[in-house]
Amino acid sequence: MLERPYKLFGAHERAAMEKAVDARVSAWRAAWLADAAGIECAPAPELAARLAGCAGEWRASVLQNGDSIALRSDETRLAGALCGRADAGDSPYARHVAEEALRELAAALLGSREAKAAKGLPEDAWLPGSACYACHIQAGAARIGVVSNAAWTLRLLRALLPRPPGARLVERRAAVADQRLEVRAVAGWADLQLGVLRGLDVGNVIALEARLDRPVNLATPSGAVLCSARLGQREGHKAVSLAAVGRGHG
């Protein structure tokens, strides 16, 4: 199944699907039916009850790319609607015409005649949230049920809906220039026993192995060294001067 890059069957998706399906069915209807036929289309789970009233066996047309359309109709009644006479459906020739009309309808919806015949419906046709789509077509006394698989629906929607704007590419420096980064300049470390730590008073000095007049590491809170730096003062405040950007000292 294709990835869903949008909210499935929201208002925009429903309008786009209804327009596209109606256009494909209308072309078929104009070629095969003398009288107008009513059509209702919606996500398959919403039309399950209506399609249950369609007689006949579900027959699917499947393309090699995975798109599938399943149709179901009482071919005797459909033959009568196509011929304009209710009693015409008893003729083997009329039923053959009905079968051909259903194949033409599947081809119109798939947008291709290169499809193989199969049986049955998509497994998730009636499940809530399914991407399967359905149509209920009323042609005189005949009813035609149509159910697509999710691949057909998603492929059609992807072609119909506008693509989201592409990501704006900017220079790496510009992309991170406004980002806040916390860094620490570590002058050195000292290991003290708890007794010594408790005995410290204001004014005591802890001697470090590192000298403050030499470069120290400038690192992130996680310990990743960014570069070396020197400690000092500027305008009466403690300051850190970068000493060698791009060359850290472990």
C-alpha atoms as a PDB file:
ATOM      1  CA  MET A   1       0.000   0.000   0.000  1.00  0.00           C
ATOM      2  CA  LEU A   2       1.235   3.477  -0.781  1.00  0.00           C
ATOM      3  CA  GLU A   3       2.111   5.775   2.024  1.00  0.00           C
ATOM      4  CA  ARG A   4      -0.680   8.202   2.946  1.00  0.00           C
ATOM      5  CA  PRO A   5       0.760  11.731   2.827  1.00  0.00           C
ATOM      6  CA  TYR A   6      -2.505  13.442   3.776  1.00  0.00           C
ATOM      7  CA  LYS A   7      -5.637  13.029   5.866  1.00  0.00           C
ATOM      8  CA  LEU A   8      -7.517  10.235   4.125  1.00  0.00           C
ATOM      9  CA  PHE A   9     -11.033  11.212   2.933  1.00  0.00           C
ATOM     10  CA  GLY A  10     -11.111  14.695   4.384  1.00  0.00           C
ATOM     11  CA  ALA A  11     -13.253  17.310   2.653  1.00  0.00           C
ATOM     12  CA  HIS A  12     -10.719  17.995  -0.113  1.00  0.00           C
ATOM     13  CA  GLU A  13     -10.064  14.316  -0.745  1.00  0.00           C
ATOM     14  CA  ARG A  14     -13.779  13.500  -0.939  1.00  0.00           C
ATOM     15  CA  ALA A  15     -14.446  16.314  -3.395  1.00  0.00           C
ATOM     16  CA  ALA A  16     -11.515  15.325  -5.602  1.00  0.00           C
ATOM     17  CA  MET A  17     -12.504  11.642  -5.628  1.00  0.00           C
ATOM     18  CA  GLU A  18     -16.160  12.365  -6.335  1.00  0.00           C
ATOM     19  CA  LYS A  19     -15.276  14.591  -9.282  1.00  0.00           C
ATOM     20  CA  ALA A  20     -12.786  12.128 -10.775  1.00  0.00           C
ATOM     21  CA  VAL A  21     -15.006   9.050 -10.354  1.00  0.00           C
ATOM     22  CA  ASP A  22     -18.083  10.831 -11.694  1.00  0.00           C
ATOM     23  CA  ALA A  23     -16.152  11.904 -14.807  1.00  0.00           C
ATOM     24  CA  ARG A  24     -15.018   8.334 -15.523  1.00  0.00           C
ATOM     25  CA  VAL A  25     -18.432   6.801 -14.903  1.00  0.00           C
ATOM     26  CA  SER A  26     -20.193   9.538 -16.910  1.00  0.00           C
ATOM     27  CA  ALA A  27     -18.156   8.712 -20.018  1.00  0.00           C
ATOM     28  CA  TRP A  28     -19.070   5.032 -19.673  1.00  0.00           C
ATOM     29  CA  ARG A  29     -22.710   5.867 -18.956  1.00  0.00           C
ATOM     30  CA  ALA A  30     -23.005   8.061 -22.074  1.00  0.00           C
ATOM     31  CA  ALA A  31     -21.698   5.221 -24.248  1.00  0.00           C
ATOM     32  CA  TRP A  32     -23.839   2.414 -22.816  1.00  0.00           C
ATOM     33  CA  LEU A  33     -27.088   3.778 -21.381  1.00  0.00           C
ATOM     34  CA  ALA A  34     -29.868   5.591 -23.177  1.00  0.00           C
ATOM     35  CA  ASP A  35     -31.316   6.905 -19.912  1.00  0.00           C
ATOM     36  CA  ALA A  36     -29.428   8.736 -17.177  1.00  0.00           C
ATOM     37  CA  ALA A  37     -28.164   6.653 -14.284  1.00  0.00           C
ATOM     38  CA  GLY A  38     -27.751   7.820 -10.706  1.00  0.00           C
ATOM     39  CA  ILE A  39     -24.363   7.416  -9.033  1.00  0.00           C
ATOM     40  CA  GLU A  40     -23.284   7.635  -5.422  1.00  0.00           C
ATOM     41  CA  CYS A  41     -19.644   7.319  -4.430  1.00  0.00           C
ATOM     42  CA  ALA A  42     -17.975   7.342  -1.021  1.00  0.00           C
ATOM     43  CA  PRO A  43     -15.420   5.421   1.054  1.00  0.00           C
ATOM     44  CA  ALA A  44     -16.336   1.737   0.836  1.00  0.00           C
ATOM     45  CA  PRO A  45     -17.294   1.244   4.529  1.00  0.00           C
ATOM     46  CA  GLU A  46     -19.895   4.021   4.172  1.00  0.00           C
ATOM     47  CA  LEU A  47     -21.611   2.283   1.229  1.00  0.00           C
ATOM     48  CA  ALA A  48     -21.485  -1.268   2.567  1.00  0.00           C
ATOM     49  CA  ALA A  49     -25.222  -1.390   3.281  1.00  0.00           C
ATOM     50  CA  ARG A  50     -26.179  -0.019  -0.152  1.00  0.00           C
ATOM     51  CA  LEU A  51     -23.878  -2.388  -2.026  1.00  0.00           C
ATOM     52  CA  ALA A  52     -25.247  -5.369  -0.113  1.00  0.00           C
ATOM     53  CA  GLY A  53     -28.436  -4.959  -2.156  1.00  0.00           C
ATOM     54  CA  CYS A  54     -26.620  -5.510  -5.464  1.00  0.00           C
ATOM     55  CA  ALA A  55     -27.127  -9.010  -6.857  1.00  0.00           C
ATOM     56  CA  GLY A  56     -24.520 -11.105  -8.605  1.00  0.00           C
ATOM     57  CA  GLU A  57     -20.960 -12.193  -7.906  1.00  0.00           C
ATOM     58  CA  TRP A  58     -18.072  -9.805  -7.263  1.00  0.00           C
ATOM     59  CA  ARG A  59     -15.685  -9.831 -10.210  1.00  0.00           C
ATOM     60  CA  ALA A  60     -12.407  -7.935 -10.110  1.00  0.00           C
ATOM     61  CA  SER A  61     -10.199  -6.424 -12.788  1.00  0.00           C
ATOM     62  CA  VAL A  62      -6.578  -6.140 -11.639  1.00  0.00           C
ATOM     63  CA  LEU A  63      -3.681  -4.230 -13.194  1.00  0.00           C
ATOM     64  CA  GLN A  64      -0.051  -5.269 -12.828  1.00  0.00           C
ATOM     65  CA  ASN A  65       0.702  -2.213 -10.677  1.00  0.00           C
ATOM     66  CA  GLY A  66      -1.726  -3.503  -8.022  1.00  0.00           C
ATOM     67  CA  ASP A  67      -4.774  -1.356  -8.827  1.00  0.00           C
ATOM     68  CA  SER A  68      -8.011  -3.336  -8.639  1.00  0.00           C
ATOM     69  CA  ILE A  69     -11.701  -2.630  -9.316  1.00  0.00           C
ATOM     70  CA  ALA A  70     -14.403  -5.132  -8.321  1.00  0.00           C
ATOM     71  CA  LEU A  71     -17.914  -4.962  -9.821  1.00  0.00           C
ATOM     72  CA  ARG A  72     -21.165  -6.674  -8.956  1.00  0.00           C
ATOM     73  CA  SER A  73     -24.522  -6.566 -10.746  1.00  0.00           C
ATOM     74  CA  ASP A  74     -27.523  -8.655 -11.755  1.00  0.00           C
ATOM     75  CA  GLU A  75     -26.559  -9.114 -15.398  1.00  0.00           C
ATOM     76  CA  THR A  76     -30.098 -10.003 -16.446  1.00  0.00           C
ATOM     77  CA  ARG A  77     -31.459  -6.684 -15.157  1.00  0.00           C
ATOM     78  CA  LEU A  78     -28.431  -4.809 -16.445  1.00  0.00           C
ATOM     79  CA  ALA A  79     -28.937  -6.327 -19.896  1.00  0.00           C
ATOM     80  CA  GLY A  80     -32.558  -5.133 -19.834  1.00  0.00           C
ATOM     81  CA  ALA A  81     -31.447  -1.611 -18.873  1.00  0.00           C
ATOM     82  CA  LEU A  82     -28.817  -1.544 -21.620  1.00  0.00           C
ATOM     83  CA  CYS A  83     -31.260  -2.759 -24.270  1.00  0.00           C
ATOM     84  CA  GLY A  84     -34.132  -0.584 -23.061  1.00  0.00           C
ATOM     85  CA  ARG A  85     -36.418  -3.618 -22.566  1.00  0.00           C
ATOM     86  CA  ALA A  86     -36.951  -5.485 -19.307  1.00  0.00           C
ATOM     87  CA  ASP A  87     -37.493  -8.826 -21.088  1.00  0.00           C
ATOM     88  CA  ALA A  88     -34.252  -8.519 -23.084  1.00  0.00           C
ATOM     89  CA  GLY A  89     -32.214  -9.818 -20.185  1.00  0.00           C
ATOM     90  CA  ASP A  90     -33.273 -13.409 -20.899  1.00  0.00           C
ATOM     91  CA  SER A  91     -31.280 -13.365 -24.128  1.00  0.00           C
ATOM     92  CA  PRO A  92     -27.754 -14.878 -23.957  1.00  0.00           C
ATOM     93  CA  TYR A  93     -26.585 -12.159 -26.320  1.00  0.00           C
ATOM     94  CA  ALA A  94     -27.982  -9.433 -24.040  1.00  0.00           C
ATOM     95  CA  ARG A  95     -26.215 -10.939 -21.030  1.00  0.00           C
ATOM     96  CA  HIS A  96     -22.984 -11.010 -23.054  1.00  0.00           C
ATOM     97  CA  VAL A  97     -23.497  -7.295 -23.729  1.00  0.00           C
ATOM     98  CA  ALA A  98     -23.953  -6.732 -19.971  1.00  0.00           C
ATOM     99  CA  GLU A  99     -20.685  -8.538 -19.235  1.00  0.00           C
ATOM    100  CA  GLU A 100     -18.888  -6.416 -21.815  1.00  0.00           C
ATOM    101  CA  ALA A 101     -20.404  -3.247 -20.313  1.00  0.00           C
ATOM    102  CA  LEU A 102     -19.080  -4.179 -16.869  1.00  0.00           C
ATOM    103  CA  ARG A 103     -15.618  -4.805 -18.287  1.00  0.00           C
ATOM    104  CA  GLU A 104     -15.775  -1.412 -19.988  1.00  0.00           C
ATOM    105  CA  LEU A 105     -16.771   0.216 -16.699  1.00  0.00           C
ATOM    106  CA  ALA A 106     -13.817  -1.374 -14.901  1.00  0.00           C
ATOM    107  CA  ALA A 107     -11.484  -0.241 -17.683  1.00  0.00           C
ATOM    108  CA  ALA A 108     -12.844   3.312 -17.492  1.00  0.00           C
ATOM    109  CA  LEU A 109     -12.275   3.458 -13.741  1.00  0.00           C
ATOM    110  CA  LEU A 110      -8.812   1.885 -13.961  1.00  0.00           C
ATOM    111  CA  GLY A 111      -7.866   4.051 -16.913  1.00  0.00           C
ATOM    112  CA  SER A 112      -6.579   0.983 -18.766  1.00  0.00           C
ATOM    113  CA  ARG A 113      -7.825  -2.059 -20.639  1.00  0.00           C
ATOM    114  CA  GLU A 114      -4.751  -4.104 -19.708  1.00  0.00           C
ATOM    115  CA  ALA A 115      -6.279  -5.874 -16.706  1.00  0.00           C
ATOM    116  CA  LYS A 116      -6.676  -9.505 -15.751  1.00  0.00           C
ATOM    117  CA  ALA A 117      -9.865 -11.009 -14.362  1.00  0.00           C
ATOM    118  CA  ALA A 118     -10.127 -12.109 -10.734  1.00  0.00           C
ATOM    119  CA  LYS A 119     -12.777 -12.783  -8.091  1.00  0.00           C
ATOM    120  CA  GLY A 120     -13.621 -11.304  -4.746  1.00  0.00           C
ATOM    121  CA  LEU A 121     -13.160  -8.007  -2.925  1.00  0.00           C
ATOM    122  CA  PRO A 122     -10.214  -6.360  -1.161  1.00  0.00           C
ATOM    123  CA  GLU A 123      -9.832  -7.889   2.298  1.00  0.00           C
ATOM    124  CA  ASP A 124     -10.160  -4.514   4.023  1.00  0.00           C
ATOM    125  CA  ALA A 125     -13.050  -3.238   1.869  1.00  0.00           C
ATOM    126  CA  TRP A 126     -15.514  -2.811   4.744  1.00  0.00           C
ATOM    127  CA  LEU A 127     -13.099  -2.098   7.595  1.00  0.00           C
ATOM    128  CA  PRO A 128     -13.374   1.333   9.292  1.00  0.00           C
ATOM    129  CA  GLY A 129     -10.589   3.600   8.085  1.00  0.00           C
ATOM    130  CA  SER A 130     -10.058   1.536   4.950  1.00  0.00           C
ATOM    131  CA  ALA A 131      -8.722   3.345   1.868  1.00  0.00           C
ATOM    132  CA  CYS A 132     -11.012   1.283  -0.383  1.00  0.00           C
ATOM    133  CA  TYR A 133     -13.500   3.359  -2.371  1.00  0.00           C
ATOM    134  CA  ALA A 134     -16.952   2.403  -3.658  1.00  0.00           C
ATOM    135  CA  CYS A 135     -19.720   3.428  -6.070  1.00  0.00           C
ATOM    136  CA  HIS A 136     -23.400   2.561  -6.186  1.00  0.00           C
ATOM    137  CA  ILE A 137     -24.824   3.022  -9.697  1.00  0.00           C
ATOM    138  CA  GLN A 138     -28.567   2.822 -10.322  1.00  0.00           C
ATOM    139  CA  ALA A 139     -29.422   2.189 -13.985  1.00  0.00           C
ATOM    140  CA  GLY A 140     -33.173   1.644 -14.301  1.00  0.00           C
ATOM    141  CA  ALA A 141     -34.018  -1.567 -12.444  1.00  0.00           C
ATOM    142  CA  ALA A 142     -30.362  -2.592 -12.400  1.00  0.00           C
ATOM    143  CA  ARG A 143     -27.868  -1.841  -9.659  1.00  0.00           C
ATOM    144  CA  ILE A 144     -24.111  -1.883 -10.092  1.00  0.00           C
ATOM    145  CA  GLY A 145     -21.768  -2.064  -7.139  1.00  0.00           C
ATOM    146  CA  VAL A 146     -18.152  -0.966  -7.513  1.00  0.00           C
ATOM    147  CA  VAL A 147     -15.355  -1.311  -4.950  1.00  0.00           C
ATOM    148  CA  SER A 148     -11.719  -0.354  -5.468  1.00  0.00           C
ATOM    149  CA  ASN A 149      -8.733  -1.538  -3.506  1.00  0.00           C
ATOM    150  CA  ALA A 150      -6.650   0.875  -1.445  1.00  0.00           C
ATOM    151  CA  ALA A 151      -3.832   1.053  -4.024  1.00  0.00           C
ATOM    152  CA  TRP A 152      -6.184   2.463  -6.690  1.00  0.00           C
ATOM    153  CA  THR A 153      -7.669   5.037  -4.313  1.00  0.00           C
ATOM    154  CA  LEU A 154      -4.333   6.290  -3.023  1.00  0.00           C
ATOM    155  CA  ARG A 155      -2.769   6.427  -6.478  1.00  0.00           C
ATOM    156  CA  LEU A 156      -5.719   8.429  -7.805  1.00  0.00           C
ATOM    157  CA  LEU A 157      -5.661  10.812  -4.836  1.00  0.00           C
ATOM    158  CA  ARG A 158      -1.938  11.371  -5.208  1.00  0.00           C
ATOM    159  CA  ALA A 159      -2.464  12.452  -8.818  1.00  0.00           C
ATOM    160  CA  LEU A 160      -5.450  14.674  -7.989  1.00  0.00           C
ATOM    161  CA  LEU A 161      -4.292  16.593  -4.923  1.00  0.00           C
ATOM    162  CA  PRO A 162      -1.702  19.383  -5.061  1.00  0.00           C
ATOM    163  CA  ARG A 163       1.742  18.381  -3.933  1.00  0.00           C
ATOM    164  CA  PRO A 164       3.038  20.019  -0.743  1.00  0.00           C
ATOM    165  CA  PRO A 165       5.678  22.686  -1.357  1.00  0.00           C
ATOM    166  CA  GLY A 166       9.212  21.394  -1.341  1.00  0.00           C
ATOM    167  CA  ALA A 167      11.529  22.092   1.529  1.00  0.00           C
ATOM    168  CA  ARG A 168      13.344  25.432   1.264  1.00  0.00           C
ATOM    169  CA  LEU A 169      17.072  24.821   1.030  1.00  0.00           C
ATOM    170  CA  VAL A 170      19.378  27.257   2.790  1.00  0.00           C
ATOM    171  CA  GLU A 171      23.064  27.365   3.534  1.00  0.00           C
ATOM    172  CA  ARG A 172      24.044  25.282   6.544  1.00  0.00           C
ATOM    173  CA  ARG A 173      25.472  28.267   8.415  1.00  0.00           C
ATOM    174  CA  ALA A 174      22.260  30.250   7.898  1.00  0.00           C
ATOM    175  CA  ALA A 175      20.135  27.310   9.044  1.00  0.00           C
ATOM    176  CA  VAL A 176      21.883  27.030  12.417  1.00  0.00           C
ATOM    177  CA  ALA A 177      22.742  30.705  12.955  1.00  0.00           C
ATOM    178  CA  ASP A 178      19.670  31.430  15.109  1.00  0.00           C
ATOM    179  CA  GLN A 179      19.830  28.207  17.112  1.00  0.00           C
ATOM    180  CA  ARG A 180      20.729  28.500  20.802  1.00  0.00           C
ATOM    181  CA  LEU A 181      23.649  26.316  21.884  1.00  0.00           C
ATOM    182  CA  GLU A 182      24.858  25.850  25.445  1.00  0.00           C
ATOM    183  CA  VAL A 183      28.620  25.372  25.804  1.00  0.00           C
ATOM    184  CA  ARG A 184      30.972  25.074  28.773  1.00  0.00           C
ATOM    185  CA  ALA A 185      34.605  26.072  29.136  1.00  0.00           C
ATOM    186  CA  VAL A 186      36.244  23.597  31.543  1.00  0.00           C
ATOM    187  CA  ALA A 187      39.417  24.856  33.199  1.00  0.00           C
ATOM    188  CA  GLY A 188      40.107  21.593  34.996  1.00  0.00           C
ATOM    189  CA  TRP A 189      38.883  19.005  37.456  1.00  0.00           C
ATOM    190  CA  ALA A 190      39.759  18.213  41.060  1.00  0.00           C
ATOM    191  CA  ASP A 191      39.008  15.125  43.154  1.00  0.00           C
ATOM    192  CA  LEU A 192      38.259  16.021  46.784  1.00  0.00           C
ATOM    193  CA  GLN A 193      37.479  13.806  49.725  1.00  0.00           C
ATOM    194  CA  LEU A 194      34.180  14.534  51.437  1.00  0.00           C
ATOM    195  CA  GLY A 195      35.982  15.608  54.642  1.00  0.00           C
ATOM    196  CA  VAL A 196      38.129  18.108  52.742  1.00  0.00           C
ATOM    197  CA  LEU A 197      35.062  19.455  50.881  1.00  0.00           C
ATOM    198  CA  ARG A 198      33.218  20.039  54.161  1.00  0.00           C
ATOM    199  CA  GLY A 199      36.227  21.884  55.605  1.00  0.00           C
ATOM    200  CA  LEU A 200      36.435  24.466  52.810  1.00  0.00           C
ATOM    201  CA  ASP A 201      35.832  28.112  53.731  1.00  0.00           C
ATOM    202  CA  VAL A 202      35.362  31.280  51.728  1.00  0.00           C
ATOM    203  CA  GLY A 203      38.737  32.341  50.358  1.00  0.00           C
ATOM    204  CA  ASN A 204      40.242  28.861  50.137  1.00  0.00           C
ATOM    205  CA  VAL A 205      41.954  28.060  46.841  1.00  0.00           C
ATOM    206  CA  ILE A 206      41.807  24.705  45.085  1.00  0.00           C
ATOM    207  CA  ALA A 207      44.898  24.129  42.951  1.00  0.00           C
ATOM    208  CA  LEU A 208      44.297  22.614  39.514  1.00  0.00           C
ATOM    209  CA  GLU A 209      46.773  20.834  37.281  1.00  0.00           C
ATOM    210  CA  ALA A 210      45.727  22.987  34.289  1.00  0.00           C
ATOM    211  CA  ARG A 211      46.991  26.540  33.927  1.00  0.00           C
ATOM    212  CA  LEU A 212      44.434  29.265  33.182  1.00  0.00           C
ATOM    213  CA  ASP A 213      46.803  31.002  30.797  1.00  0.00           C
ATOM    214  CA  ARG A 214      46.694  27.974  28.514  1.00  0.00           C
ATOM    215  CA  PRO A 215      43.866  26.905  26.148  1.00  0.00           C
ATOM    216  CA  VAL A 216      41.004  24.918  27.675  1.00  0.00           C
ATOM    217  CA  ASN A 217      38.335  22.801  25.990  1.00  0.00           C
ATOM    218  CA  LEU A 218      35.052  24.385  24.916  1.00  0.00           C
ATOM    219  CA  ALA A 219      32.465  21.574  25.017  1.00  0.00           C
ATOM    220  CA  THR A 220      28.724  20.891  25.000  1.00  0.00           C
ATOM    221  CA  PRO A 221      26.996  19.702  28.197  1.00  0.00           C
ATOM    222  CA  SER A 222      27.232  16.139  26.843  1.00  0.00           C
ATOM    223  CA  GLY A 223      31.006  16.422  26.713  1.00  0.00           C
ATOM    224  CA  ALA A 224      31.508  16.792  22.954  1.00  0.00           C
ATOM    225  CA  VAL A 225      34.535  19.062  22.440  1.00  0.00           C
ATOM    226  CA  LEU A 226      33.890  21.838  19.896  1.00  0.00           C
ATOM    227  CA  CYS A 227      37.216  23.681  19.970  1.00  0.00           C
ATOM    228  CA  SER A 228      39.789  25.131  22.338  1.00  0.00           C
ATOM    229  CA  ALA A 229      39.434  28.471  24.061  1.00  0.00           C
ATOM    230  CA  ARG A 230      41.113  30.863  26.483  1.00  0.00           C
ATOM    231  CA  LEU A 231      39.545  32.229  29.657  1.00  0.00           C
ATOM    232  CA  GLY A 232      39.722  35.935  30.386  1.00  0.00           C
ATOM    233  CA  GLN A 233      37.753  39.131  31.016  1.00  0.00           C
ATOM    234  CA  ARG A 234      36.054  41.708  28.837  1.00  0.00           C
ATOM    235  CA  GLU A 235      34.433  44.919  30.028  1.00  0.00           C
ATOM    236  CA  GLY A 236      34.510  43.668  33.609  1.00  0.00           C
ATOM    237  CA  HIS A 237      32.872  40.314  32.832  1.00  0.00           C
ATOM    238  CA  LYS A 238      34.282  36.838  32.560  1.00  0.00           C
ATOM    239  CA  ALA A 239      34.728  35.873  28.906  1.00  0.00           C
ATOM    240  CA  VAL A 240      35.842  33.007  26.716  1.00  0.00           C
ATOM    241  CA  SER A 241      37.921  33.611  23.593  1.00  0.00           C
ATOM    242  CA  LEU A 242      37.935  30.928  20.905  1.00  0.00           C
ATOM    243  CA  ALA A 243      41.509  29.852  20.299  1.00  0.00           C
ATOM    244  CA  ALA A 244      41.358  27.234  17.555  1.00  0.00           C
ATOM    245  CA  VAL A 245      37.971  26.739  15.897  1.00  0.00           C
ATOM    246  CA  GLY A 246      37.619  23.261  14.447  1.00  0.00           C
ATOM    247  CA  ARG A 247      40.509  21.707  16.401  1.00  0.00           C
ATOM    248  CA  GLY A 248      39.468  20.310  19.727  1.00  0.00           C
ATOM    249  CA  HIS A 249      41.799  19.023  22.411  1.00  0.00           C
ATOM    250  CA  GLY A 250      40.756  15.806  24.105  1.00  0.00           C
END
